[in-house]
Protein backbone atom coordinates (compact mmCIF):
# COMPACT_ATOMS: atom_id res chain seq x y z
CA UNK A 1 -162.07 13.23 16.67
CA UNK A 2 -158.88 14.72 15.48
CA UNK A 3 -157.38 15.12 18.94
CA UNK A 4 -157.34 11.17 19.72
CA UNK A 5 -155.85 10.38 16.28
CA UNK A 6 -153.15 13.03 16.70
CA UNK A 7 -152.38 11.71 20.34
CA UNK A 8 -152.03 8.34 18.87
CA UNK A 9 -149.71 9.28 16.22
CA UNK A 10 -147.66 11.11 18.70
CA UNK A 11 -147.56 8.02 20.85
CA UNK A 12 -146.37 5.83 18.03
CA UNK A 13 -143.65 8.27 16.87
CA UNK A 14 -142.24 8.42 20.37
CA UNK A 15 -142.66 4.73 21.11
CA UNK A 16 -140.64 3.80 17.98
CA UNK A 17 -137.94 6.38 18.79
CA UNK A 18 -137.55 4.94 22.34
CA UNK A 19 -137.25 1.38 21.02
CA UNK A 20 -134.86 2.43 18.35
CA UNK A 21 -132.53 4.11 20.88
CA UNK A 22 -132.50 1.34 23.19
CA UNK A 23 -132.04 -1.46 20.43
CA UNK A 24 -129.04 0.40 19.27
CA UNK A 25 -125.75 -1.57 20.18
CA UNK A 26 -123.36 0.15 22.66
CA UNK A 27 -120.58 2.01 20.97
CA UNK A 28 -117.06 0.14 21.48
CA UNK A 29 -114.89 2.06 23.42
CA UNK A 30 -112.10 3.75 21.14
CA UNK A 31 -108.37 3.64 22.42
CA UNK A 32 -107.27 6.82 23.74
CA UNK A 33 -104.52 8.53 21.70
CA UNK A 34 -102.87 9.44 25.07
CA UNK A 35 -102.93 5.84 26.20
CA UNK A 36 -100.85 5.07 23.03
CA UNK A 37 -98.21 7.41 23.67
CA UNK A 38 -98.24 7.64 27.48
CA UNK A 39 -97.44 4.08 28.85
CA UNK A 40 -97.40 3.90 32.56
CA UNK A 41 -95.35 6.99 33.60
CA UNK A 42 -93.55 7.27 30.27
CA UNK A 43 -94.13 9.42 27.21
CA UNK A 44 -93.27 8.42 23.76
CA UNK A 45 -91.05 10.96 22.06
CA UNK A 46 -91.69 9.46 18.74
CA UNK A 47 -95.80 9.16 19.11
CA UNK A 48 -96.81 11.87 21.42
CA UNK A 49 -98.56 15.05 19.89
CA UNK A 50 -97.46 18.30 21.23
CA UNK A 51 -100.46 18.64 23.65
CA UNK A 52 -99.46 15.37 25.10
CA UNK A 53 -95.89 16.33 25.64
CA UNK A 54 -96.79 19.63 27.06
CA UNK A 55 -99.39 17.93 29.58
CA UNK A 56 -97.01 15.21 30.66
CA UNK A 57 -93.72 16.86 30.80
CA UNK A 58 -92.34 19.32 33.43
CA UNK A 59 -91.17 22.67 32.03
CA UNK A 60 -92.49 21.97 28.52
CA UNK A 61 -94.90 24.49 27.09
CA UNK A 62 -96.80 24.55 24.10
CA UNK A 63 -93.97 26.13 22.11
CA UNK A 64 -91.30 23.76 23.23
CA UNK A 65 -93.89 20.79 22.81
CA UNK A 66 -94.50 21.92 19.14
CA UNK A 67 -90.69 22.33 18.59
CA UNK A 68 -90.16 18.65 19.62
CA UNK A 69 -92.74 17.56 17.08
CA UNK A 70 -91.39 19.77 14.31
CA UNK A 71 -87.87 18.29 15.08
CA UNK A 72 -89.23 14.86 14.82
CA UNK A 73 -91.09 15.53 11.73
CA UNK A 74 -87.99 16.93 9.93
CA UNK A 75 -85.42 14.59 11.25
CA UNK A 76 -87.13 11.50 11.66
CA UNK A 77 -87.74 9.58 14.89
CA UNK A 78 -85.69 10.13 17.98
CA UNK A 79 -83.22 7.26 18.45
CA UNK A 80 -82.01 8.51 21.77
CA UNK A 81 -83.80 10.55 24.54
CA UNK A 82 -80.48 12.86 24.42
CA UNK A 83 -81.29 13.91 21.00
CA UNK A 84 -83.82 16.20 22.59
CA UNK A 85 -80.73 18.59 23.28
CA UNK A 86 -80.82 19.23 19.47
CA UNK A 87 -84.18 21.07 19.90
CA UNK A 88 -84.22 24.75 20.44
CA UNK A 89 -85.12 25.55 23.91
CA UNK A 90 -84.28 22.16 25.41
CA UNK A 91 -81.30 22.15 27.54
CA UNK A 92 -79.59 19.55 29.94
CA UNK A 93 -81.36 20.69 33.10
CA UNK A 94 -84.79 20.46 31.26
CA UNK A 95 -83.85 16.96 29.84
CA UNK A 96 -82.65 15.72 33.17
CA UNK A 97 -85.77 16.68 34.87
CA UNK A 98 -87.87 14.59 32.22
CA UNK A 99 -85.64 11.89 31.52
CA UNK A 100 -87.35 9.28 33.64
CA UNK A 101 -90.61 10.12 31.88
CA UNK A 102 -89.36 9.75 28.42
CA UNK A 103 -89.44 6.72 26.18
CA UNK A 104 -88.80 6.24 22.50
CA UNK A 105 -91.50 3.71 21.61
């Protein structure tokens, strides 16, 4: 007599879990942080985090990407792409290599 009642109880529990899982509304897709800072082929110098800068820009490793973010935090947003030359480790050739990929917004 115990076995059928245990099986019935287990069935009810599993059925209610299944119904609850199927009844939950689908989660709304969250906008990607990368999508906000990478628009088309351009990366926003004023919004991108170090990981995005490293991933999207040629010749920019984690240390240089962190230096860009630190410069932005210390001095405010970039008003010109050429201000990257003020960041230690960023030279004219590296800037020219990435100029077409950079945006300020």
